């Protein structure tokens, strides 16, 4: 009976570690998305505790892409989290995490709107 109890305890510990790693990776992914959105809009910079600027590669090791116009871009991220780095559970205990964020530069969006409307006084028309 004791080997089954030990195996059950080890399994529970591995599952808890997997969900902790998954939530931690999701947190870092969200921070990397915010950092990338700040870099795209040039309105925000992320700093480390020692005062140096952070890049998305330093925050998260997943894949980050951006698409859209210069004033409004969608930033998406995807990555894998595995239960353990090697062994039998590395293929079984896998989860893909994804996230997206919309980075909008309001001044750039207003300029695009004015260029499309052909006005340079904030969109108001003289009648």
C-alpha atoms as a PDB file:
ATOM      1  CA  UNK A   1       0.000   0.000   0.000  1.00  0.00           C
ATOM      2  CA  UNK A   2       2.869   2.371   0.786  1.00  0.00           C
ATOM      3  CA  UNK A   3       4.235   2.452  -2.812  1.00  0.00           C
ATOM      4  CA  UNK A   4       0.826   3.562  -4.107  1.00  0.00           C
ATOM      5  CA  UNK A   5       0.621   6.332  -1.518  1.00  0.00           C
ATOM      6  CA  UNK A   6       4.111   7.533  -2.429  1.00  0.00           C
ATOM      7  CA  UNK A   7       3.255   7.437  -6.141  1.00  0.00           C
ATOM      8  CA  UNK A   8       0.031   9.384  -5.516  1.00  0.00           C
ATOM      9  CA  UNK A   9       1.869  12.044  -3.498  1.00  0.00           C
ATOM     10  CA  UNK A  10       4.539  12.422  -6.190  1.00  0.00           C
ATOM     11  CA  UNK A  11       1.829  12.707  -8.859  1.00  0.00           C
ATOM     12  CA  UNK A  12      -0.003  15.410  -6.920  1.00  0.00           C
ATOM     13  CA  UNK A  13       3.237  17.340  -6.394  1.00  0.00           C
ATOM     14  CA  UNK A  14       4.037  17.148 -10.137  1.00  0.00           C
ATOM     15  CA  UNK A  15       0.541  18.346 -11.060  1.00  0.00           C
ATOM     16  CA  UNK A  16       0.807  21.274  -8.637  1.00  0.00           C
ATOM     17  CA  UNK A  17       4.230  22.170 -10.056  1.00  0.00           C
ATOM     18  CA  UNK A  18       2.823  21.999 -13.604  1.00  0.00           C
ATOM     19  CA  UNK A  19      -0.046  24.377 -12.860  1.00  0.00           C
ATOM     20  CA  UNK A  20       2.264  26.732 -10.966  1.00  0.00           C
ATOM     21  CA  UNK A  21       4.705  26.798 -13.894  1.00  0.00           C
ATOM     22  CA  UNK A  22       1.824  27.327 -16.302  1.00  0.00           C
ATOM     23  CA  UNK A  23       0.404  30.286 -14.382  1.00  0.00           C
ATOM     24  CA  UNK A  24       3.879  31.765 -13.912  1.00  0.00           C
ATOM     25  CA  UNK A  25       4.583  31.455 -17.642  1.00  0.00           C
ATOM     26  CA  UNK A  26       1.237  33.083 -18.419  1.00  0.00           C
ATOM     27  CA  UNK A  27       2.137  35.975 -16.117  1.00  0.00           C
ATOM     28  CA  UNK A  28       5.504  36.472 -17.844  1.00  0.00           C
ATOM     29  CA  UNK A  29       3.791  36.232 -21.246  1.00  0.00           C
ATOM     30  CA  UNK A  30       1.372  38.993 -20.244  1.00  0.00           C
ATOM     31  CA  UNK A  31       4.248  41.185 -19.066  1.00  0.00           C
ATOM     32  CA  UNK A  32       6.113  40.558 -22.348  1.00  0.00           C
ATOM     33  CA  UNK A  33       2.978  41.488 -24.331  1.00  0.00           C
ATOM     34  CA  UNK A  34       2.655  44.744 -22.405  1.00  0.00           C
ATOM     35  CA  UNK A  35       6.340  45.483 -22.928  1.00  0.00           C
ATOM     36  CA  UNK A  36       6.044  44.823 -26.684  1.00  0.00           C
ATOM     37  CA  UNK A  37       2.924  47.012 -26.917  1.00  0.00           C
ATOM     38  CA  UNK A  38       4.800  49.795 -25.128  1.00  0.00           C
ATOM     39  CA  UNK A  39       7.698  49.481 -27.562  1.00  0.00           C
ATOM     40  CA  UNK A  40       5.333  49.578 -30.553  1.00  0.00           C
ATOM     41  CA  UNK A  41       3.479  52.688 -29.419  1.00  0.00           C
ATOM     42  CA  UNK A  42       6.655  54.286 -28.023  1.00  0.00           C
ATOM     43  CA  UNK A  43       4.614  55.454 -25.009  1.00  0.00           C
ATOM     44  CA  UNK A  44       5.838  53.058 -22.327  1.00  0.00           C
ATOM     45  CA  UNK A  45       9.108  51.452 -21.257  1.00  0.00           C
ATOM     46  CA  UNK A  46       9.522  48.512 -18.904  1.00  0.00           C
ATOM     47  CA  UNK A  47      12.314  48.634 -16.339  1.00  0.00           C
ATOM     48  CA  UNK A  48      13.972  45.972 -14.206  1.00  0.00           C
ATOM     49  CA  UNK A  49      14.624  46.390 -10.484  1.00  0.00           C
ATOM     50  CA  UNK A  50      18.129  47.665 -11.163  1.00  0.00           C
ATOM     51  CA  UNK A  51      16.858  50.433 -13.482  1.00  0.00           C
ATOM     52  CA  UNK A  52      17.810  48.891 -16.831  1.00  0.00           C
ATOM     53  CA  UNK A  53      15.246  48.659 -19.614  1.00  0.00           C
ATOM     54  CA  UNK A  54      13.689  45.281 -20.347  1.00  0.00           C
ATOM     55  CA  UNK A  55      13.086  43.656 -23.698  1.00  0.00           C
ATOM     56  CA  UNK A  56      10.522  40.973 -24.463  1.00  0.00           C
ATOM     57  CA  UNK A  57      13.281  38.380 -24.917  1.00  0.00           C
ATOM     58  CA  UNK A  58      14.399  38.914 -21.323  1.00  0.00           C
ATOM     59  CA  UNK A  59      10.863  38.511 -19.980  1.00  0.00           C
ATOM     60  CA  UNK A  60       9.541  35.494 -21.862  1.00  0.00           C
ATOM     61  CA  UNK A  61      11.021  32.915 -24.197  1.00  0.00           C
ATOM     62  CA  UNK A  62       7.897  32.275 -26.293  1.00  0.00           C
ATOM     63  CA  UNK A  63       6.995  33.549 -29.750  1.00  0.00           C
ATOM     64  CA  UNK A  64       5.645  37.133 -30.082  1.00  0.00           C
ATOM     65  CA  UNK A  65       4.332  38.644 -33.337  1.00  0.00           C
ATOM     66  CA  UNK A  66       2.620  41.893 -34.229  1.00  0.00           C
ATOM     67  CA  UNK A  67       0.362  42.767 -37.137  1.00  0.00           C
ATOM     68  CA  UNK A  68      -1.754  45.701 -38.224  1.00  0.00           C
ATOM     69  CA  UNK A  69      -1.367  49.367 -39.056  1.00  0.00           C
ATOM     70  CA  UNK A  70       1.291  51.559 -37.497  1.00  0.00           C
ATOM     71  CA  UNK A  71      -1.257  53.222 -35.200  1.00  0.00           C
ATOM     72  CA  UNK A  72      -3.051  50.043 -34.104  1.00  0.00           C
ATOM     73  CA  UNK A  73      -1.258  46.717 -33.924  1.00  0.00           C
ATOM     74  CA  UNK A  74      -2.368  43.400 -32.505  1.00  0.00           C
ATOM     75  CA  UNK A  75       0.404  41.737 -30.532  1.00  0.00           C
ATOM     76  CA  UNK A  76       0.015  37.970 -30.132  1.00  0.00           C
ATOM     77  CA  UNK A  77       2.073  35.474 -28.171  1.00  0.00           C
ATOM     78  CA  UNK A  78       2.200  31.689 -28.028  1.00  0.00           C
ATOM     79  CA  UNK A  79       4.316  29.222 -26.117  1.00  0.00           C
ATOM     80  CA  UNK A  80       4.404  25.740 -24.611  1.00  0.00           C
ATOM     81  CA  UNK A  81       4.577  24.727 -20.985  1.00  0.00           C
ATOM     82  CA  UNK A  82       5.580  21.150 -20.168  1.00  0.00           C
ATOM     83  CA  UNK A  83       5.167  19.235 -16.955  1.00  0.00           C
ATOM     84  CA  UNK A  84       8.851  18.277 -16.764  1.00  0.00           C
ATOM     85  CA  UNK A  85      11.778  19.046 -19.012  1.00  0.00           C
ATOM     86  CA  UNK A  86      12.490  15.423 -19.924  1.00  0.00           C
ATOM     87  CA  UNK A  87      11.166  11.951 -19.376  1.00  0.00           C
ATOM     88  CA  UNK A  88       7.808  10.296 -19.896  1.00  0.00           C
ATOM     89  CA  UNK A  89       5.715  13.253 -18.719  1.00  0.00           C
ATOM     90  CA  UNK A  90       7.385  15.797 -21.024  1.00  0.00           C
ATOM     91  CA  UNK A  91       5.096  14.831 -23.919  1.00  0.00           C
ATOM     92  CA  UNK A  92       2.002  13.928 -21.937  1.00  0.00           C
ATOM     93  CA  UNK A  93       1.928  16.994 -19.675  1.00  0.00           C
ATOM     94  CA  UNK A  94       2.059  19.768 -22.283  1.00  0.00           C
ATOM     95  CA  UNK A  95      -0.080  22.862 -22.528  1.00  0.00           C
ATOM     96  CA  UNK A  96       0.020  25.679 -25.048  1.00  0.00           C
ATOM     97  CA  UNK A  97      -0.635  29.162 -23.744  1.00  0.00           C
ATOM     98  CA  UNK A  98      -1.634  32.045 -25.988  1.00  0.00           C
ATOM     99  CA  UNK A  99      -2.479  35.679 -25.510  1.00  0.00           C
ATOM    100  CA  UNK A 100      -3.070  38.819 -27.488  1.00  0.00           C
ATOM    101  CA  UNK A 101      -3.122  42.532 -26.861  1.00  0.00           C
ATOM    102  CA  UNK A 102      -4.126  45.534 -28.937  1.00  0.00           C
ATOM    103  CA  UNK A 103      -1.559  48.345 -28.963  1.00  0.00           C
ATOM    104  CA  UNK A 104      -3.075  51.641 -30.095  1.00  0.00           C
ATOM    105  CA  UNK A 105      -1.269  54.931 -30.548  1.00  0.00           C
ATOM    106  CA  UNK A 106      -4.152  57.451 -30.257  1.00  0.00           C
ATOM    107  CA  UNK A 107      -2.234  60.319 -31.882  1.00  0.00           C
ATOM    108  CA  UNK A 108      -1.248  58.122 -34.829  1.00  0.00           C
ATOM    109  CA  UNK A 109      -4.827  56.856 -35.181  1.00  0.00           C
ATOM    110  CA  UNK A 110      -6.116  60.438 -35.223  1.00  0.00           C
ATOM    111  CA  UNK A 111      -3.582  61.395 -37.894  1.00  0.00           C
ATOM    112  CA  UNK A 112      -4.635  58.458 -40.051  1.00  0.00           C
ATOM    113  CA  UNK A 113      -8.291  59.428 -39.626  1.00  0.00           C
ATOM    114  CA  UNK A 114      -7.530  63.021 -40.604  1.00  0.00           C
ATOM    115  CA  UNK A 115      -5.557  61.878 -43.647  1.00  0.00           C
ATOM    116  CA  UNK A 116      -8.430  59.633 -44.769  1.00  0.00           C
ATOM    117  CA  UNK A 117     -11.013  62.397 -44.265  1.00  0.00           C
ATOM    118  CA  UNK A 118      -8.764  64.969 -45.930  1.00  0.00           C
ATOM    119  CA  UNK A 119      -9.034  67.439 -43.050  1.00  0.00           C
ATOM    120  CA  UNK A 120      -6.414  68.978 -40.845  1.00  0.00           C
ATOM    121  CA  UNK A 121      -8.611  70.610 -38.221  1.00  0.00           C
ATOM    122  CA  UNK A 122      -9.561  67.551 -36.176  1.00  0.00           C
ATOM    123  CA  UNK A 123     -12.234  66.235 -38.550  1.00  0.00           C
ATOM    124  CA  UNK A 124     -14.519  69.268 -38.294  1.00  0.00           C
ATOM    125  CA  UNK A 125     -15.838  70.510 -41.626  1.00  0.00           C
ATOM    126  CA  UNK A 126     -16.336  74.214 -42.419  1.00  0.00           C
ATOM    127  CA  UNK A 127     -19.818  74.818 -43.781  1.00  0.00           C
END
